[in-house]
Amino acid sequence: MRALVKYASGPGNVELRDVPAPTLAPGTVLLDVDAVAVCGTDRAAIEGGHDFRVPRILGHEVAGTVAEIGAGADRPDLAVGDRVTVETDAYLCMRCAYCRAEQYNRCPHRLGIGTTTDGGLAEQLVMPSRALHALPENVSQVVGALTEPTAVAVHGVVEQSPSLAGEVVVVVGPGAVGMLTAQVARAVGATVVLVGRARHADKLAAASRTGIQHAVDADTTDLPELVSRLTGGYGAHSVFECSGGEGVIESLPPLLRRGGRIVLLAFYRTPPTLDIDRVTNHELEVVGSRGKRASSFRTALRLMASGAVDPGAVVEEVLPLEEWERGMELVGRGAKVVLQVR
């Protein structure tokens, strides 16, 4: 089969190759891969930013069609031909306290597709049957490939946060996860301020079209004044940091009310600093939100099916797999790209 393979460490060393097709094991399902959304981590791997074992097939935001169901796959709800999306957990110990509570993102033995095991940028993919979720009828394969980043947003907004109904929240960073986080926060009843820069004008306009109440350019907007005005001078209930930008975290405490929360969804190349005295004196909370869980996928798919969240609004380019180099170039410029495998 064809697959996009990182075949050696360091910058570059990626090509579309013919590789052996995967084989079914007990309890697994074989998928024909239809579409894969490209993540910044895929781009980082190409640039040499991930030192995982090679060769490795990239890609973890996957939508496909069930091709074959292995023996012992306890999924009577699935049949050959069903359209599905997948969790990214290729291996879980299923014995630790975290797995037994379905907190799969915390399993210390977890292996993830596209990084520590082969991923979905290939014509076929084998996954444990527990990792599959049927796509709603009104969700296309292209949009279905964005279920994973939508689940990331759900985990941060719904599972790592208290109720946000009626609250004012700030989302920093209008990338795919930031825009989806803003949509999920709006869907649960928050008034959302999505923050970008002048170079993000197109993304901010797209966010406004999805119903985000305040999609603002921090280069031209007095953000603390806006948040103060929206909250009667108190400050935001929560800030969701989705940018990973240098110096961003340091700017967040002045936006928050006393007792407010900073929820971190991004990863950082430069370790950030924070005014701990202000955290203590204002009783702020700093909360990590890593990845997603099976429950995150279930909630994400319900929001997508109802139209409350539209992941398709963040897709800027759909390309065939053969044009992966152009896709990675666009991702490097901040675009969200989906590669169609078949």
C-alpha atoms as a PDB file:
ATOM      1  CA  MET A   1       0.000   0.000   0.000  1.00  0.00           C
ATOM      2  CA  ARG A   2       1.011   3.650  -0.309  1.00  0.00           C
ATOM      3  CA  ALA A   3       1.995   5.448   2.879  1.00  0.00           C
ATOM      4  CA  LEU A   4       3.680   8.697   3.889  1.00  0.00           C
ATOM      5  CA  VAL A   5       6.768   7.511   5.750  1.00  0.00           C
ATOM      6  CA  LYS A   6       9.305   9.309   7.919  1.00  0.00           C
ATOM      7  CA  TYR A   7      12.158   6.954   7.029  1.00  0.00           C
ATOM      8  CA  ALA A   8      15.084   8.547   8.907  1.00  0.00           C
ATOM      9  CA  SER A   9      15.609  10.993  11.760  1.00  0.00           C
ATOM     10  CA  GLY A  10      16.379  14.663  11.238  1.00  0.00           C
ATOM     11  CA  PRO A  11      14.833  17.311   8.975  1.00  0.00           C
ATOM     12  CA  GLY A  12      13.085  15.971   5.867  1.00  0.00           C
ATOM     13  CA  ASN A  13      13.575  12.264   5.182  1.00  0.00           C
ATOM     14  CA  VAL A  14       9.887  11.773   4.326  1.00  0.00           C
ATOM     15  CA  GLU A  15       8.419  10.287   1.162  1.00  0.00           C
ATOM     16  CA  LEU A  16       5.381   8.512  -0.232  1.00  0.00           C
ATOM     17  CA  ARG A  17       6.396   4.848  -0.324  1.00  0.00           C
ATOM     18  CA  ASP A  18       5.019   1.412  -1.060  1.00  0.00           C
ATOM     19  CA  VAL A  19       5.013  -0.520   2.218  1.00  0.00           C
ATOM     20  CA  PRO A  20       3.507  -3.832   3.343  1.00  0.00           C
ATOM     21  CA  ALA A  21      -0.188  -3.582   4.122  1.00  0.00           C
ATOM     22  CA  PRO A  22      -1.104  -4.085   7.808  1.00  0.00           C
ATOM     23  CA  THR A  23      -2.523  -7.401   8.978  1.00  0.00           C
ATOM     24  CA  LEU A  24      -5.432  -8.042  11.324  1.00  0.00           C
ATOM     25  CA  ALA A  25      -4.803  -9.263  14.843  1.00  0.00           C
ATOM     26  CA  PRO A  26      -7.467 -10.541  17.240  1.00  0.00           C
ATOM     27  CA  GLY A  27      -9.645  -7.709  18.490  1.00  0.00           C
ATOM     28  CA  THR A  28      -8.724  -5.317  15.694  1.00  0.00           C
ATOM     29  CA  VAL A  29     -10.420  -3.795  12.650  1.00  0.00           C
ATOM     30  CA  LEU A  30      -8.920  -3.068   9.222  1.00  0.00           C
ATOM     31  CA  LEU A  31      -9.844   0.308   7.731  1.00  0.00           C
ATOM     32  CA  ASP A  32      -9.584   1.668   4.239  1.00  0.00           C
ATOM     33  CA  VAL A  33      -8.391   5.190   4.988  1.00  0.00           C
ATOM     34  CA  ASP A  34     -10.407   7.915   3.263  1.00  0.00           C
ATOM     35  CA  ALA A  35      -9.125  11.213   4.675  1.00  0.00           C
ATOM     36  CA  VAL A  36      -6.486  12.398   7.138  1.00  0.00           C
ATOM     37  CA  ALA A  37      -6.262  15.900   8.572  1.00  0.00           C
ATOM     38  CA  VAL A  38      -2.685  17.116   8.930  1.00  0.00           C
ATOM     39  CA  CYS A  39      -1.615  18.244  12.385  1.00  0.00           C
ATOM     40  CA  GLY A  40       1.217  20.515  13.416  1.00  0.00           C
ATOM     41  CA  THR A  41       2.879  17.469  14.984  1.00  0.00           C
ATOM     42  CA  ASP A  42       3.095  15.887  11.519  1.00  0.00           C
ATOM     43  CA  ARG A  43       4.814  19.005  10.260  1.00  0.00           C
ATOM     44  CA  ALA A  44       7.138  18.979  13.282  1.00  0.00           C
ATOM     45  CA  ALA A  45       8.086  15.363  12.544  1.00  0.00           C
ATOM     46  CA  ILE A  46       9.039  16.312   9.001  1.00  0.00           C
ATOM     47  CA  GLU A  47      11.163  19.168  10.328  1.00  0.00           C
ATOM     48  CA  GLY A  48      12.913  16.781  12.716  1.00  0.00           C
ATOM     49  CA  GLY A  49      11.157  18.025  15.839  1.00  0.00           C
ATOM     50  CA  HIS A  50      10.023  14.552  16.957  1.00  0.00           C
ATOM     51  CA  ASP A  51      12.728  12.016  17.746  1.00  0.00           C
ATOM     52  CA  PHE A  52      10.640   8.869  17.503  1.00  0.00           C
ATOM     53  CA  ARG A  53      11.717   5.512  16.160  1.00  0.00           C
ATOM     54  CA  VAL A  54      11.857   5.366  12.373  1.00  0.00           C
ATOM     55  CA  PRO A  55      10.639   4.321   9.897  1.00  0.00           C
ATOM     56  CA  ARG A  56       7.212   5.577  10.928  1.00  0.00           C
ATOM     57  CA  ILE A  57       4.007   6.220   8.965  1.00  0.00           C
ATOM     58  CA  LEU A  58       2.690   9.673   9.918  1.00  0.00           C
ATOM     59  CA  GLY A  59      -0.847  10.904  10.574  1.00  0.00           C
ATOM     60  CA  HIS A  60      -3.352  10.539  13.405  1.00  0.00           C
ATOM     61  CA  GLU A  61      -6.510  12.519  12.472  1.00  0.00           C
ATOM     62  CA  VAL A  62      -8.265   9.801  10.479  1.00  0.00           C
ATOM     63  CA  ALA A  63     -11.586   8.959   8.863  1.00  0.00           C
ATOM     64  CA  GLY A  64     -12.045   5.682   7.012  1.00  0.00           C
ATOM     65  CA  THR A  65     -14.304   2.792   6.050  1.00  0.00           C
ATOM     66  CA  VAL A  66     -14.402  -0.597   7.762  1.00  0.00           C
ATOM     67  CA  ALA A  67     -12.840  -3.148   5.407  1.00  0.00           C
ATOM     68  CA  GLU A  68     -12.553  -6.209   7.652  1.00  0.00           C
ATOM     69  CA  ILE A  69     -13.318  -7.080  11.266  1.00  0.00           C
ATOM     70  CA  GLY A  70     -10.922  -9.370  13.098  1.00  0.00           C
ATOM     71  CA  ALA A  71     -11.774 -12.298  15.314  1.00  0.00           C
ATOM     72  CA  GLY A  72     -12.671 -11.298  18.839  1.00  0.00           C
ATOM     73  CA  ALA A  73     -13.486  -7.696  17.922  1.00  0.00           C
ATOM     74  CA  ASP A  74     -16.397  -7.140  20.275  1.00  0.00           C
ATOM     75  CA  ARG A  75     -18.219  -4.512  18.207  1.00  0.00           C
ATOM     76  CA  PRO A  76     -21.612  -5.851  17.078  1.00  0.00           C
ATOM     77  CA  ASP A  77     -22.536  -2.252  16.212  1.00  0.00           C
ATOM     78  CA  LEU A  78     -19.959  -2.179  13.377  1.00  0.00           C
ATOM     79  CA  ALA A  79     -20.128  -3.775   9.943  1.00  0.00           C
ATOM     80  CA  VAL A  80     -17.965  -3.826   6.854  1.00  0.00           C
ATOM     81  CA  GLY A  81     -18.648  -0.641   4.896  1.00  0.00           C
ATOM     82  CA  ASP A  82     -19.355   1.538   7.933  1.00  0.00           C
ATOM     83  CA  ARG A  83     -17.758   4.996   7.950  1.00  0.00           C
ATOM     84  CA  VAL A  84     -15.734   5.659  11.093  1.00  0.00           C
ATOM     85  CA  THR A  85     -13.220   7.894  12.800  1.00  0.00           C
ATOM     86  CA  VAL A  86     -10.609   6.622  15.238  1.00  0.00           C
ATOM     87  CA  GLU A  87      -9.121   7.437  18.596  1.00  0.00           C
ATOM     88  CA  THR A  88      -5.353   7.750  18.387  1.00  0.00           C
ATOM     89  CA  ASP A  89      -4.549   5.119  21.033  1.00  0.00           C
ATOM     90  CA  ALA A  90      -3.018   2.124  19.235  1.00  0.00           C
ATOM     91  CA  TYR A  91      -2.068   0.413  22.484  1.00  0.00           C
ATOM     92  CA  LEU A  92      -3.320   0.797  26.056  1.00  0.00           C
ATOM     93  CA  CYS A  93      -2.444  -1.482  28.958  1.00  0.00           C
ATOM     94  CA  MET A  94      -6.128  -1.622  30.056  1.00  0.00           C
ATOM     95  CA  ARG A  95      -4.871  -2.560  33.543  1.00  0.00           C
ATOM     96  CA  CYS A  96      -3.795   0.713  35.162  1.00  0.00           C
ATOM     97  CA  ALA A  97      -6.134   2.881  37.237  1.00  0.00           C
ATOM     98  CA  TYR A  98      -6.325   5.383  34.386  1.00  0.00           C
ATOM     99  CA  CYS A  99      -7.398   2.872  31.732  1.00  0.00           C
ATOM    100  CA  ARG A 100      -9.962   1.355  34.081  1.00  0.00           C
ATOM    101  CA  ALA A 101     -11.477   4.836  34.460  1.00  0.00           C
ATOM    102  CA  GLU A 102     -11.364   5.385  30.654  1.00  0.00           C
ATOM    103  CA  GLN A 103      -8.740   8.108  31.165  1.00  0.00           C
ATOM    104  CA  TYR A 104      -6.738   6.688  28.286  1.00  0.00           C
ATOM    105  CA  ASN A 105      -4.717   9.857  27.729  1.00  0.00           C
ATOM    106  CA  ARG A 106      -3.069   9.248  31.129  1.00  0.00           C
ATOM    107  CA  CYS A 107      -2.022   5.618  30.571  1.00  0.00           C
ATOM    108  CA  PRO A 108       1.774   5.471  31.114  1.00  0.00           C
ATOM    109  CA  HIS A 109       2.056   2.618  28.592  1.00  0.00           C
ATOM    110  CA  ARG A 110       0.026   4.255  25.826  1.00  0.00           C
ATOM    111  CA  LEU A 111       1.244   4.130  22.206  1.00  0.00           C
ATOM    112  CA  GLY A 112      -0.223   6.585  19.702  1.00  0.00           C
ATOM    113  CA  ILE A 113      -0.626   6.316  15.950  1.00  0.00           C
ATOM    114  CA  GLY A 114       1.611   8.529  13.848  1.00  0.00           C
ATOM    115  CA  THR A 115       4.258   8.861  16.569  1.00  0.00           C
ATOM    116  CA  THR A 116       4.998   5.776  18.637  1.00  0.00           C
ATOM    117  CA  THR A 117       3.229   3.423  16.192  1.00  0.00           C
ATOM    118  CA  ASP A 118       2.436   3.677  12.484  1.00  0.00           C
ATOM    119  CA  GLY A 119      -0.241   6.189  11.608  1.00  0.00           C
ATOM    120  CA  GLY A 120      -3.065   6.833   9.201  1.00  0.00           C
ATOM    121  CA  LEU A 121      -1.443   8.573   6.221  1.00  0.00           C
ATOM    122  CA  ALA A 122      -1.671   5.286   4.342  1.00  0.00           C
ATOM    123  CA  GLU A 123      -4.208   3.395   2.291  1.00  0.00           C
ATOM    124  CA  GLN A 124      -5.040   1.080   5.211  1.00  0.00           C
ATOM    125  CA  LEU A 125      -4.841   1.179   8.988  1.00  0.00           C
ATOM    126  CA  VAL A 126      -5.458  -1.468  11.650  1.00  0.00           C
ATOM    127  CA  MET A 127      -6.868  -0.248  14.975  1.00  0.00           C
ATOM    128  CA  PRO A 128      -8.198  -1.904  18.142  1.00  0.00           C
ATOM    129  CA  SER A 129     -11.957  -2.270  17.820  1.00  0.00           C
ATOM    130  CA  ARG A 130     -12.516  -0.163  20.972  1.00  0.00           C
ATOM    131  CA  ALA A 131     -10.918   2.841  19.202  1.00  0.00           C
ATOM    132  CA  LEU A 132     -13.533   3.180  16.440  1.00  0.00           C
ATOM    133  CA  HIS A 133     -16.484   5.592  16.394  1.00  0.00           C
ATOM    134  CA  ALA A 134     -19.159   5.584  13.707  1.00  0.00           C
ATOM    135  CA  LEU A 135     -19.525   8.863  11.833  1.00  0.00           C
ATOM    136  CA  PRO A 136     -22.984  10.466  11.786  1.00  0.00           C
ATOM    137  CA  GLU A 137     -24.743  10.334   8.421  1.00  0.00           C
ATOM    138  CA  ASN A 138     -24.483  14.101   7.962  1.00  0.00           C
ATOM    139  CA  VAL A 139     -20.708  14.215   8.620  1.00  0.00           C
ATOM    140  CA  SER A 140     -18.498  13.704   5.562  1.00  0.00           C
ATOM    141  CA  GLN A 141     -15.202  11.826   5.595  1.00  0.00           C
ATOM    142  CA  VAL A 142     -13.291  15.098   5.203  1.00  0.00           C
ATOM    143  CA  VAL A 143     -15.043  16.643   8.203  1.00  0.00           C
ATOM    144  CA  GLY A 144     -14.879  13.337  10.075  1.00  0.00           C
ATOM    145  CA  ALA A 145     -11.090  13.490   9.884  1.00  0.00           C
ATOM    146  CA  LEU A 146     -11.298  16.498  12.227  1.00  0.00           C
ATOM    147  CA  THR A 147     -13.098  14.590  14.968  1.00  0.00           C
ATOM    148  CA  GLU A 148      -9.796  14.177  16.834  1.00  0.00           C
ATOM    149  CA  PRO A 149      -9.012  17.916  17.189  1.00  0.00           C
ATOM    150  CA  THR A 150     -12.683  18.495  18.020  1.00  0.00           C
ATOM    151  CA  ALA A 151     -12.327  15.909  20.785  1.00  0.00           C
ATOM    152  CA  VAL A 152      -9.234  17.766  22.028  1.00  0.00           C
ATOM    153  CA  ALA A 153     -11.376  20.908  22.298  1.00  0.00           C
ATOM    154  CA  VAL A 154     -14.146  18.986  24.073  1.00  0.00           C
ATOM    155  CA  HIS A 155     -11.680  17.585  26.600  1.00  0.00           C
ATOM    156  CA  GLY A 156     -10.450  21.080  27.482  1.00  0.00           C
ATOM    157  CA  VAL A 157     -13.811  22.858  27.539  1.00  0.00           C
ATOM    158  CA  VAL A 158     -16.151  20.176  28.861  1.00  0.00           C
ATOM    159  CA  GLU A 159     -14.065  17.610  30.729  1.00  0.00           C
ATOM    160  CA  GLN A 160     -11.322  19.790  32.235  1.00  0.00           C
ATOM    161  CA  SER A 161     -13.574  22.747  33.058  1.00  0.00           C
ATOM    162  CA  PRO A 162     -16.644  23.482  35.193  1.00  0.00           C
ATOM    163  CA  SER A 163     -19.867  24.567  33.534  1.00  0.00           C
ATOM    164  CA  LEU A 164     -19.283  27.642  31.376  1.00  0.00           C
ATOM    165  CA  ALA A 165     -22.911  28.486  30.648  1.00  0.00           C
ATOM    166  CA  GLY A 166     -23.365  32.247  30.916  1.00  0.00           C
ATOM    167  CA  GLU A 167     -19.650  32.890  31.488  1.00  0.00           C
ATOM    168  CA  VAL A 168     -17.190  34.961  29.440  1.00  0.00           C
ATOM    169  CA  VAL A 169     -14.154  32.990  28.270  1.00  0.00           C
ATOM    170  CA  VAL A 170     -11.118  33.894  26.182  1.00  0.00           C
ATOM    171  CA  VAL A 171      -9.572  31.520  23.638  1.00  0.00           C
ATOM    172  CA  VAL A 172      -6.058  32.437  22.518  1.00  0.00           C
ATOM    173  CA  GLY A 173      -4.900  31.223  19.123  1.00  0.00           C
ATOM    174  CA  PRO A 174      -7.142  30.838  16.038  1.00  0.00           C
ATOM    175  CA  GLY A 175      -5.540  27.641  14.753  1.00  0.00           C
ATOM    176  CA  ALA A 176      -7.695  24.562  14.260  1.00  0.00           C
ATOM    177  CA  VAL A 177      -7.762  23.595  17.954  1.00  0.00           C
ATOM    178  CA  GLY A 178      -8.340  27.199  19.035  1.00  0.00           C
ATOM    179  CA  MET A 179     -11.224  27.685  16.605  1.00  0.00           C
ATOM    180  CA  LEU A 180     -12.782  24.385  17.624  1.00  0.00           C
ATOM    181  CA  THR A 181     -12.307  25.229  21.317  1.00  0.00           C
ATOM    182  CA  ALA A 182     -14.114  28.512  20.696  1.00  0.00           C
ATOM    183  CA  GLN A 183     -16.968  26.659  18.953  1.00  0.00           C
ATOM    184  CA  VAL A 184     -17.303  24.118  21.758  1.00  0.00           C
ATOM    185  CA  ALA A 185     -17.281  26.882  24.400  1.00  0.00           C
ATOM    186  CA  ARG A 186     -20.018  28.729  22.483  1.00  0.00           C
ATOM    187  CA  ALA A 187     -21.996  25.474  22.182  1.00  0.00           C
ATOM    188  CA  VAL A 188     -22.022  25.014  25.971  1.00  0.00           C
ATOM    189  CA  GLY A 189     -23.320  28.531  26.528  1.00  0.00           C
ATOM    190  CA  ALA A 190     -20.253  30.729  27.000  1.00  0.00           C
ATOM    191  CA  THR A 191     -19.672  34.166  25.521  1.00  0.00           C
ATOM    192  CA  VAL A 192     -16.406  33.664  23.646  1.00  0.00           C
ATOM    193  CA  VAL A 193     -13.571  36.059  22.855  1.00  0.00           C
ATOM    194  CA  LEU A 194     -11.292  34.395  20.280  1.00  0.00           C
ATOM    195  CA  VAL A 195      -7.948  36.173  20.033  1.00  0.00           C
ATOM    196  CA  GLY A 196      -5.578  36.248  17.060  1.00  0.00           C
ATOM    197  CA  ARG A 197      -3.231  38.698  15.392  1.00  0.00           C
ATOM    198  CA  ALA A 198      -3.489  40.823  12.236  1.00  0.00           C
ATOM    199  CA  ARG A 199      -2.097  37.957  10.148  1.00  0.00           C
ATOM    200  CA  HIS A 200      -5.050  35.803  11.235  1.00  0.00           C
ATOM    201  CA  ALA A 201      -7.713  38.029   9.656  1.00  0.00           C
ATOM    202  CA  ASP A 202      -9.120  35.244   7.471  1.00  0.00           C
ATOM    203  CA  LYS A 203      -9.334  32.809  10.369  1.00  0.00           C
ATOM    204  CA  LEU A 204     -11.001  35.374  12.617  1.00  0.00           C
ATOM    205  CA  ALA A 205     -13.538  36.119   9.897  1.00  0.00           C
ATOM    206  CA  ALA A 206     -14.233  32.387   9.525  1.00  0.00           C
ATOM    207  CA  ALA A 207     -14.726  32.110  13.290  1.00  0.00           C
ATOM    208  CA  SER A 208     -17.230  34.969  13.230  1.00  0.00           C
ATOM    209  CA  ARG A 209     -19.209  33.120  10.554  1.00  0.00           C
ATOM    210  CA  THR A 210     -19.527  30.127  12.893  1.00  0.00           C
ATOM    211  CA  GLY A 211     -21.151  32.321  15.543  1.00  0.00           C
ATOM    212  CA  ILE A 212     -18.182  33.232  17.740  1.00  0.00           C
ATOM    213  CA  GLN A 213     -19.319  36.439  19.381  1.00  0.00           C
ATOM    214  CA  HIS A 214     -15.988  38.304  19.534  1.00  0.00           C
ATOM    215  CA  ALA A 215     -13.201  37.254  17.130  1.00  0.00           C
ATOM    216  CA  VAL A 216     -10.604  39.961  17.669  1.00  0.00           C
ATOM    217  CA  ASP A 217      -7.178  41.052  16.478  1.00  0.00           C
ATOM    218  CA  ALA A 218      -4.939  41.634  19.501  1.00  0.00           C
ATOM    219  CA  ASP A 219      -2.767  43.971  17.403  1.00  0.00           C
ATOM    220  CA  THR A 220      -5.599  46.495  17.113  1.00  0.00           C
ATOM    221  CA  THR A 221      -7.894  45.636  20.055  1.00  0.00           C
ATOM    222  CA  ASP A 222      -7.378  46.601  23.685  1.00  0.00           C
ATOM    223  CA  LEU A 223      -8.034  43.079  24.927  1.00  0.00           C
ATOM    224  CA  PRO A 224      -8.045  43.781  28.692  1.00  0.00           C
ATOM    225  CA  GLU A 225     -10.490  46.661  28.111  1.00  0.00           C
ATOM    226  CA  LEU A 226     -12.789  44.479  25.994  1.00  0.00           C
ATOM    227  CA  VAL A 227     -12.827  41.667  28.561  1.00  0.00           C
ATOM    228  CA  SER A 228     -13.388  44.145  31.392  1.00  0.00           C
ATOM    229  CA  ARG A 229     -16.323  45.678  29.539  1.00  0.00           C
ATOM    230  CA  LEU A 230     -17.912  42.282  28.832  1.00  0.00           C
ATOM    231  CA  THR A 231     -17.580  41.200  32.472  1.00  0.00           C
ATOM    232  CA  GLY A 232     -18.493  44.351  34.342  1.00  0.00           C
ATOM    233  CA  GLY A 233     -14.874  44.847  35.345  1.00  0.00           C
ATOM    234  CA  TYR A 234     -14.373  41.398  36.890  1.00  0.00           C
ATOM    235  CA  GLY A 235     -12.409  39.608  34.166  1.00  0.00           C
ATOM    236  CA  ALA A 236     -12.915  36.368  32.258  1.00  0.00           C
ATOM    237  CA  HIS A 237     -14.000  33.167  33.951  1.00  0.00           C
ATOM    238  CA  SER A 238     -11.411  31.133  31.963  1.00  0.00           C
ATOM    239  CA  VAL A 239      -8.722  31.523  29.343  1.00  0.00           C
ATOM    240  CA  PHE A 240      -8.005  28.606  26.998  1.00  0.00           C
ATOM    241  CA  GLU A 241      -4.442  28.872  25.690  1.00  0.00           C
ATOM    242  CA  CYS A 242      -4.243  27.167  22.290  1.00  0.00           C
ATOM    243  CA  SER A 243      -1.401  29.074  20.630  1.00  0.00           C
ATOM    244  CA  GLY A 244       1.800  27.824  22.230  1.00  0.00           C
ATOM    245  CA  GLY A 245       3.239  31.249  21.463  1.00  0.00           C
ATOM    246  CA  GLU A 246       6.247  32.601  23.295  1.00  0.00           C
ATOM    247  CA  GLY A 247       5.271  35.129  25.967  1.00  0.00           C
ATOM    248  CA  VAL A 248       1.539  34.386  25.715  1.00  0.00           C
ATOM    249  CA  ILE A 249       1.014  32.761  29.107  1.00  0.00           C
ATOM    250  CA  GLU A 250       2.642  35.716  30.826  1.00  0.00           C
ATOM    251  CA  SER A 251      -0.059  37.995  29.347  1.00  0.00           C
ATOM    252  CA  LEU A 252      -3.044  35.961  30.544  1.00  0.00           C
ATOM    253  CA  PRO A 253      -3.481  36.666  34.302  1.00  0.00           C
ATOM    254  CA  PRO A 254      -4.592  40.306  33.783  1.00  0.00           C
ATOM    255  CA  LEU A 255      -7.514  39.003  31.676  1.00  0.00           C
ATOM    256  CA  LEU A 256      -8.859  36.817  34.471  1.00  0.00           C
ATOM    257  CA  ARG A 257     -11.199  37.441  37.366  1.00  0.00           C
ATOM    258  CA  ARG A 258     -10.078  36.448  40.854  1.00  0.00           C
ATOM    259  CA  GLY A 259     -10.543  32.702  41.028  1.00  0.00           C
ATOM    260  CA  GLY A 260     -10.261  32.447  37.242  1.00  0.00           C
ATOM    261  CA  ARG A 261      -8.702  29.583  35.310  1.00  0.00           C
ATOM    262  CA  ILE A 262      -5.985  29.170  32.687  1.00  0.00           C
ATOM    263  CA  VAL A 263      -6.497  25.953  30.699  1.00  0.00           C
ATOM    264  CA  LEU A 264      -3.448  24.904  28.677  1.00  0.00           C
ATOM    265  CA  LEU A 265      -4.139  22.963  25.476  1.00  0.00           C
ATOM    266  CA  ALA A 266      -0.980  23.959  23.580  1.00  0.00           C
ATOM    267  CA  PHE A 267       2.553  22.604  23.647  1.00  0.00           C
ATOM    268  CA  TYR A 268       5.538  24.957  23.933  1.00  0.00           C
ATOM    269  CA  ARG A 269       8.936  25.003  22.295  1.00  0.00           C
ATOM    270  CA  THR A 270      10.152  27.578  24.835  1.00  0.00           C
ATOM    271  CA  PRO A 271       9.221  26.841  28.470  1.00  0.00           C
ATOM    272  CA  PRO A 272       6.828  29.604  29.591  1.00  0.00           C
ATOM    273  CA  THR A 273       6.951  31.537  32.849  1.00  0.00           C
ATOM    274  CA  LEU A 274       4.085  32.693  35.028  1.00  0.00           C
ATOM    275  CA  ASP A 275       3.656  35.246  37.822  1.00  0.00           C
ATOM    276  CA  ILE A 276       3.132  32.775  40.670  1.00  0.00           C
ATOM    277  CA  ASP A 277       2.518  35.556  43.208  1.00  0.00           C
ATOM    278  CA  ARG A 278      -0.477  36.676  41.144  1.00  0.00           C
ATOM    279  CA  VAL A 279      -1.669  33.067  40.841  1.00  0.00           C
ATOM    280  CA  THR A 280      -1.590  32.807  44.640  1.00  0.00           C
ATOM    281  CA  ASN A 281      -3.000  36.217  45.493  1.00  0.00           C
ATOM    282  CA  HIS A 282      -5.841  36.006  42.957  1.00  0.00           C
ATOM    283  CA  GLU A 283      -6.442  32.287  43.603  1.00  0.00           C
ATOM    284  CA  LEU A 284      -6.044  31.457  39.933  1.00  0.00           C
ATOM    285  CA  GLU A 285      -6.095  27.888  38.667  1.00  0.00           C
ATOM    286  CA  VAL A 286      -3.694  26.565  36.026  1.00  0.00           C
ATOM    287  CA  VAL A 287      -5.053  23.403  34.423  1.00  0.00           C
ATOM    288  CA  GLY A 288      -3.405  21.109  31.905  1.00  0.00           C
ATOM    289  CA  SER A 289      -5.528  19.543  29.172  1.00  0.00           C
ATOM    290  CA  ARG A 290      -3.671  16.848  27.275  1.00  0.00           C
ATOM    291  CA  GLY A 291      -5.236  15.226  24.259  1.00  0.00           C
ATOM    292  CA  LYS A 292      -8.619  13.577  24.613  1.00  0.00           C
ATOM    293  CA  ARG A 293     -10.474  10.491  25.816  1.00  0.00           C
ATOM    294  CA  ALA A 294     -13.066   8.122  24.389  1.00  0.00           C
ATOM    295  CA  SER A 295     -15.727  10.244  26.077  1.00  0.00           C
ATOM    296  CA  SER A 296     -14.328  13.299  24.276  1.00  0.00           C
ATOM    297  CA  PHE A 297     -14.957  11.616  20.919  1.00  0.00           C
ATOM    298  CA  ARG A 298     -18.511  10.662  21.825  1.00  0.00           C
ATOM    299  CA  THR A 299     -19.358  14.231  22.842  1.00  0.00           C
ATOM    300  CA  ALA A 300     -17.550  15.695  19.821  1.00  0.00           C
ATOM    301  CA  LEU A 301     -19.527  13.518  17.412  1.00  0.00           C
ATOM    302  CA  ARG A 302     -22.840  14.510  19.020  1.00  0.00           C
ATOM    303  CA  LEU A 303     -21.934  18.189  18.698  1.00  0.00           C
ATOM    304  CA  MET A 304     -20.907  17.652  15.072  1.00  0.00           C
ATOM    305  CA  ALA A 305     -24.073  15.712  14.229  1.00  0.00           C
ATOM    306  CA  SER A 306     -26.299  18.429  15.723  1.00  0.00           C
ATOM    307  CA  GLY A 307     -24.480  21.233  13.901  1.00  0.00           C
ATOM    308  CA  ALA A 308     -23.523  22.902  17.183  1.00  0.00           C
ATOM    309  CA  VAL A 309     -19.866  22.551  16.142  1.00  0.00           C
ATOM    310  CA  ASP A 310     -18.707  22.654  12.507  1.00  0.00           C
ATOM    311  CA  PRO A 311     -15.149  21.341  12.071  1.00  0.00           C
ATOM    312  CA  GLY A 312     -15.475  21.872   8.336  1.00  0.00           C
ATOM    313  CA  ALA A 313     -15.230  25.617   8.959  1.00  0.00           C
ATOM    314  CA  VAL A 314     -11.565  25.277   9.901  1.00  0.00           C
ATOM    315  CA  VAL A 315     -10.528  23.313   6.786  1.00  0.00           C
ATOM    316  CA  GLU A 316      -8.674  25.553   4.353  1.00  0.00           C
ATOM    317  CA  GLU A 317      -7.466  23.059   1.741  1.00  0.00           C
ATOM    318  CA  VAL A 318      -8.355  19.515   0.662  1.00  0.00           C
ATOM    319  CA  LEU A 319      -5.657  17.792  -1.396  1.00  0.00           C
ATOM    320  CA  PRO A 320      -4.946  14.292  -2.712  1.00  0.00           C
ATOM    321  CA  LEU A 321      -2.301  12.338  -0.826  1.00  0.00           C
ATOM    322  CA  GLU A 322       0.079  12.758  -3.763  1.00  0.00           C
ATOM    323  CA  GLU A 323       0.205  16.494  -3.015  1.00  0.00           C
ATOM    324  CA  TRP A 324       1.357  15.972   0.573  1.00  0.00           C
ATOM    325  CA  GLU A 325       4.364  18.274   0.139  1.00  0.00           C
ATOM    326  CA  ARG A 326       2.134  21.204  -0.781  1.00  0.00           C
ATOM    327  CA  GLY A 327      -0.118  20.258   2.130  1.00  0.00           C
ATOM    328  CA  MET A 328       2.773  20.330   4.593  1.00  0.00           C
ATOM    329  CA  GLU A 329       3.896  23.681   3.208  1.00  0.00           C
ATOM    330  CA  LEU A 330       0.416  25.097   3.831  1.00  0.00           C
ATOM    331  CA  VAL A 331       0.374  23.628   7.340  1.00  0.00           C
ATOM    332  CA  GLY A 332       3.672  25.399   7.964  1.00  0.00           C
ATOM    333  CA  ARG A 333       1.876  28.663   7.150  1.00  0.00           C
ATOM    334  CA  GLY A 334      -0.857  27.889   9.667  1.00  0.00           C
ATOM    335  CA  ALA A 335      -3.499  26.359   7.352  1.00  0.00           C
ATOM    336  CA  LYS A 336      -5.583  23.310   8.239  1.00  0.00           C
ATOM    337  CA  VAL A 337      -5.237  20.756   5.449  1.00  0.00           C
ATOM    338  CA  VAL A 338      -6.984  17.449   4.814  1.00  0.00           C
ATOM    339  CA  LEU A 339      -5.315  14.849   2.582  1.00  0.00           C
ATOM    340  CA  GLN A 340      -7.682  12.513   0.733  1.00  0.00           C
ATOM    341  CA  VAL A 341      -6.174   9.052   0.580  1.00  0.00           C
ATOM    342  CA  ARG A 342      -8.834   7.407  -1.569  1.00  0.00           C
END
